[in-house]
Amino acid sequence: MNASTQSHSFDLSTAKVRDLNAALHALKEGSNASLWRVSNPRGLHALAAGLDAPVTVEIDGPVGYYCAGMNKQATVIVRGNAGVGIGENMMSGRIEVEGDASQAAGATAHGGLLFIRGQAGARCGISMKGVDIVVGGSVGHMSAFMAQAGTLTVLGDAGEALGDSIYEARLYVRGSVKSLGADCVEKEMRDEHKAQVFEKLKAAGLEGQVDPSEFKRYGSARTLYHFHVDNASAY
């Protein structure tokens, strides 16, 4: 660690979530208080939410709803499982979950990287708008529902209705897909897409562990962009 870097510890068995978030929100540009270690999270909600500084927050244990929501710039590492909405509406930065994540991981997220080492529940990446999501295990039903931009890379399987009502996000799944949602189709996996998968795996630290050619690509058939009576039953 750089000598000018300050490490801070926060014990949530004695301190409040509001105090932790207030201290993180108070960080100024150029602050050397760049490493924060949080103990005893005990599934509490909204930990490290709304950050806007290039800090690293290591949370030693499971977290509840909306951890690291609206993240900008920060790196948030959860050494446990995560509840609903991890990384919801994140704009940039990096979020890592060393365990599993509940539903709606990365919902509406605009940018950055969300890496879930374990499984992700239903609606992973719902309405994603530019984020890159990498899941080491499988994802639940309705993942990437109304996904507008960004990538979802799944090393395991995908549940029912993958990519329902998808726009221009790219979905890569290594395992099986139980079913595709409305207007989502399998697409050709060209060299440029294999290169993109490699880039996302590398960002997650998984390069060399998985062959990008093992993935299949899914995306929009573009038949629901404009209403047509012949497609009424699909809306």
Protein backbone atom coordinates (compact mmCIF):
# COMPACT_ATOMS: atom_id res chain seq x y z
CA MET A 1 0.00 0.00 0.00
CA ASN A 2 1.22 3.47 -0.84
CA ALA A 3 2.47 5.29 2.26
CA SER A 4 0.10 8.17 1.58
CA THR A 5 -2.93 5.90 1.43
CA GLN A 6 -5.08 5.82 4.55
CA SER A 7 -7.04 2.72 5.55
CA HIS A 8 -10.22 3.11 7.56
CA SER A 9 -12.18 0.43 9.44
CA PHE A 10 -15.90 0.60 10.12
CA ASP A 11 -17.65 -1.88 12.44
CA LEU A 12 -21.39 -1.98 11.78
CA SER A 13 -22.05 -3.84 15.02
CA THR A 14 -21.46 -0.54 16.78
CA ALA A 15 -21.84 2.10 14.02
CA LYS A 16 -24.84 2.93 11.83
CA VAL A 17 -25.12 2.53 8.07
CA ARG A 18 -25.95 6.24 7.84
CA ASP A 19 -22.63 7.08 9.51
CA LEU A 20 -20.69 4.89 7.08
CA ASN A 21 -22.37 6.35 4.03
CA ALA A 22 -22.02 9.91 5.31
CA ALA A 23 -18.27 9.43 5.80
CA LEU A 24 -17.92 8.02 2.29
CA HIS A 25 -20.04 10.78 0.76
CA ALA A 26 -17.87 13.41 2.47
CA LEU A 27 -14.70 12.32 0.65
CA LYS A 28 -13.26 15.05 -1.54
CA GLU A 29 -11.46 14.75 -4.86
CA GLY A 30 -7.84 13.76 -4.28
CA SER A 31 -8.44 12.36 -0.80
CA ASN A 32 -5.93 9.71 0.27
CA ALA A 33 -8.59 7.94 2.38
CA SER A 34 -8.95 5.40 -0.39
CA LEU A 35 -9.41 2.07 1.41
CA TRP A 36 -12.36 1.34 3.68
CA ARG A 37 -12.90 -2.00 5.42
CA VAL A 38 -16.39 -2.68 6.72
CA SER A 39 -17.03 -5.50 9.22
CA ASN A 40 -20.24 -7.05 10.55
CA PRO A 41 -22.55 -5.93 7.71
CA ARG A 42 -25.13 -8.55 8.84
CA GLY A 43 -27.31 -8.16 5.76
CA LEU A 44 -27.94 -4.46 6.34
CA HIS A 45 -29.40 -2.47 3.46
CA ALA A 46 -28.00 0.31 1.25
CA LEU A 47 -24.37 -0.10 2.30
CA ALA A 48 -21.91 2.05 0.32
CA ALA A 49 -24.77 3.54 -1.72
CA GLY A 50 -24.40 6.72 -3.74
CA LEU A 51 -20.59 6.83 -3.77
CA ASP A 52 -18.83 9.27 -6.08
CA ALA A 53 -15.12 8.95 -5.34
CA PRO A 54 -12.32 6.59 -6.51
CA VAL A 55 -12.23 4.63 -3.24
CA THR A 56 -12.22 0.90 -2.46
CA VAL A 57 -14.76 -0.42 0.03
CA GLU A 58 -14.31 -4.01 1.22
CA ILE A 59 -17.37 -5.41 3.02
CA ASP A 60 -16.62 -8.51 5.05
CA GLY A 61 -19.89 -10.43 4.99
CA PRO A 62 -23.39 -10.52 3.46
CA VAL A 63 -25.25 -7.37 2.49
CA GLY A 64 -28.94 -6.57 2.08
CA TYR A 65 -30.88 -4.56 -0.49
CA TYR A 66 -29.31 -2.03 -2.87
CA CYS A 67 -25.69 -2.29 -1.80
CA ALA A 68 -23.50 0.06 -3.88
CA GLY A 69 -26.54 1.48 -5.64
CA MET A 70 -25.88 4.53 -7.84
CA ASN A 71 -22.15 3.84 -7.65
CA LYS A 72 -19.75 6.19 -9.43
CA GLN A 73 -15.97 5.64 -9.55
CA ALA A 74 -15.74 3.42 -6.47
CA THR A 75 -14.71 -0.24 -6.20
CA VAL A 76 -16.99 -2.14 -3.83
CA ILE A 77 -16.13 -5.73 -2.88
CA VAL A 78 -18.68 -7.87 -1.02
CA ARG A 79 -17.12 -10.88 0.66
CA GLY A 80 -20.42 -12.73 0.95
CA ASN A 81 -23.87 -12.82 -0.63
CA ALA A 82 -25.87 -9.79 -1.76
CA GLY A 83 -29.58 -9.02 -1.52
CA VAL A 84 -31.91 -7.45 -4.06
CA GLY A 85 -30.57 -4.78 -6.40
CA ILE A 86 -26.80 -4.93 -5.91
CA GLY A 87 -25.33 -2.17 -8.10
CA GLU A 88 -28.76 -0.77 -9.00
CA ASN A 89 -28.38 2.28 -11.26
CA MET A 90 -24.58 2.25 -11.02
CA MET A 91 -22.91 4.70 -13.36
CA SER A 92 -19.24 3.65 -13.27
CA GLY A 93 -16.70 1.89 -11.10
CA ARG A 94 -16.54 -1.78 -10.17
CA ILE A 95 -18.62 -4.01 -7.91
CA GLU A 96 -17.61 -7.56 -7.02
CA VAL A 97 -19.74 -10.09 -5.15
CA GLU A 98 -17.77 -13.11 -3.99
CA GLY A 99 -20.93 -15.09 -3.24
CA ASP A 100 -24.40 -15.13 -4.82
CA ALA A 101 -26.67 -12.21 -5.66
CA SER A 102 -30.45 -12.00 -5.31
CA GLN A 103 -32.78 -10.69 -7.99
CA ALA A 104 -32.43 -7.48 -10.02
CA ALA A 105 -28.63 -7.32 -9.82
CA GLY A 106 -27.42 -4.36 -11.85
CA ALA A 107 -30.94 -3.10 -12.53
CA THR A 108 -31.01 0.04 -14.73
CA ALA A 109 -27.22 0.33 -14.45
CA HIS A 110 -25.58 2.70 -16.93
CA GLY A 111 -21.87 1.81 -16.74
CA GLY A 112 -19.03 0.16 -14.90
CA LEU A 113 -18.50 -3.55 -14.18
CA LEU A 114 -20.62 -5.77 -11.93
CA PHE A 115 -18.96 -9.15 -11.32
CA ILE A 116 -20.87 -11.85 -9.43
CA ARG A 117 -18.72 -14.91 -8.79
CA GLY A 118 -21.64 -17.12 -7.79
CA GLN A 119 -25.24 -17.31 -8.98
CA ALA A 120 -27.56 -14.41 -9.76
CA GLY A 121 -31.32 -14.51 -9.23
CA ALA A 122 -34.22 -13.43 -11.41
CA ARG A 123 -34.13 -10.28 -13.54
CA CYS A 124 -30.37 -9.88 -13.47
CA GLY A 125 -29.60 -6.83 -15.61
CA ILE A 126 -33.23 -5.72 -15.90
CA SER A 127 -33.40 -2.54 -17.99
CA MET A 128 -29.60 -2.31 -18.06
CA LYS A 129 -28.40 0.77 -19.92
CA GLY A 130 -24.67 0.28 -20.53
CA VAL A 131 -23.24 -1.71 -17.63
CA ASP A 132 -21.11 -4.82 -18.14
CA ILE A 133 -22.31 -7.71 -15.96
CA VAL A 134 -20.31 -10.93 -15.60
CA VAL A 135 -21.83 -13.87 -13.69
CA GLY A 136 -19.65 -16.84 -12.80
CA GLY A 137 -22.65 -19.10 -12.23
CA SER A 138 -26.17 -19.04 -13.65
CA VAL A 139 -28.88 -16.36 -13.84
CA GLY A 140 -32.58 -16.67 -13.08
CA HIS A 141 -35.68 -16.03 -15.17
CA MET A 142 -36.34 -12.77 -17.00
CA SER A 143 -32.68 -11.76 -16.91
CA ALA A 144 -31.87 -8.80 -19.20
CA PHE A 145 -35.58 -7.96 -19.44
CA MET A 146 -35.85 -4.73 -21.47
CA ALA A 147 -32.03 -4.52 -21.54
CA GLN A 148 -31.13 -1.46 -23.58
CA ALA A 149 -27.31 -1.41 -23.78
CA GLY A 150 -24.26 -3.07 -22.29
CA THR A 151 -23.33 -6.74 -21.94
CA LEU A 152 -24.40 -9.68 -19.80
CA THR A 153 -21.87 -12.53 -19.81
CA VAL A 154 -23.01 -15.71 -18.06
CA LEU A 155 -20.64 -18.62 -17.52
CA GLY A 156 -23.44 -20.93 -16.39
CA ASP A 157 -27.05 -21.30 -17.54
CA ALA A 158 -29.93 -18.85 -18.01
CA GLY A 159 -33.52 -19.29 -16.84
CA GLU A 160 -36.79 -18.66 -18.63
CA ALA A 161 -37.50 -15.66 -20.86
CA LEU A 162 -33.91 -14.46 -21.27
CA GLY A 163 -33.76 -11.04 -22.89
CA ASP A 164 -37.51 -10.46 -23.00
CA SER A 165 -38.27 -7.22 -24.90
CA ILE A 166 -34.54 -6.58 -25.32
CA TYR A 167 -33.17 -3.58 -27.21
CA GLU A 168 -29.45 -3.42 -28.09
CA ALA A 169 -27.70 -5.11 -25.17
CA ARG A 170 -25.53 -8.13 -26.00
CA LEU A 171 -26.06 -11.35 -24.06
CA TYR A 172 -23.45 -14.11 -23.93
CA VAL A 173 -24.29 -17.44 -22.28
CA ARG A 174 -21.91 -20.36 -22.00
CA GLY A 175 -24.45 -22.89 -20.75
CA SER A 176 -28.04 -23.67 -21.65
CA VAL A 177 -30.93 -21.22 -21.94
CA LYS A 178 -34.29 -22.49 -20.70
CA SER A 179 -36.21 -20.17 -23.02
CA LEU A 180 -35.90 -16.84 -24.80
CA GLY A 181 -38.22 -13.93 -24.14
CA ALA A 182 -40.19 -11.88 -26.65
CA ASP A 183 -38.07 -10.55 -29.51
CA CYS A 184 -34.85 -12.19 -28.26
CA VAL A 185 -33.07 -14.54 -30.66
CA GLU A 186 -29.78 -16.39 -30.89
CA LYS A 187 -27.31 -14.61 -33.16
CA GLU A 188 -24.09 -15.52 -34.93
CA MET A 189 -21.02 -15.55 -32.70
CA ARG A 190 -18.40 -13.84 -34.87
CA ASP A 191 -14.77 -13.09 -34.04
CA GLU A 192 -15.65 -9.59 -32.85
CA HIS A 193 -18.06 -11.07 -30.31
CA LYS A 194 -15.52 -13.62 -29.09
CA ALA A 195 -13.12 -10.71 -28.63
CA GLN A 196 -15.74 -8.84 -26.62
CA VAL A 197 -16.34 -11.86 -24.38
CA PHE A 198 -12.59 -12.15 -23.80
CA GLU A 199 -12.48 -8.46 -22.88
CA LYS A 200 -15.26 -8.88 -20.30
CA LEU A 201 -13.71 -12.05 -18.85
CA LYS A 202 -10.38 -10.25 -18.58
CA ALA A 203 -12.01 -7.33 -16.79
CA ALA A 204 -13.40 -9.80 -14.27
CA GLY A 205 -10.02 -11.54 -13.89
CA LEU A 206 -11.20 -14.73 -15.61
CA GLU A 207 -9.11 -14.63 -18.77
CA GLY A 208 -7.53 -17.97 -19.58
CA GLN A 209 -10.06 -19.85 -17.46
CA VAL A 210 -12.85 -19.96 -20.05
CA ASP A 211 -12.76 -20.18 -23.85
CA PRO A 212 -14.84 -17.36 -25.41
CA SER A 213 -15.77 -19.66 -28.28
CA GLU A 214 -17.86 -21.72 -25.83
CA PHE A 215 -20.42 -18.91 -25.52
CA LYS A 216 -23.53 -18.27 -27.59
CA ARG A 217 -24.79 -14.78 -28.36
CA TYR A 218 -28.33 -13.50 -27.98
CA GLY A 219 -29.87 -10.19 -28.89
CA SER A 220 -32.85 -8.35 -30.31
CA ALA A 221 -34.70 -9.47 -33.42
CA ARG A 222 -35.81 -5.82 -33.68
CA THR A 223 -39.44 -6.69 -34.47
CA LEU A 224 -40.95 -4.86 -31.47
CA TYR A 225 -39.24 -1.48 -31.90
CA HIS A 226 -42.39 -0.08 -33.53
CA PHE A 227 -45.91 -1.29 -32.91
CA HIS A 228 -47.37 -3.52 -35.59
CA VAL A 229 -50.72 -5.22 -35.22
CA ASP A 230 -49.27 -8.53 -36.38
CA ASN A 231 -47.03 -8.54 -33.28
CA ALA A 232 -49.72 -7.44 -30.81
CA SER A 233 -49.61 -10.68 -28.83
CA ALA A 234 -45.89 -10.25 -28.13
CA TYR A 235 -46.18 -6.88 -26.38
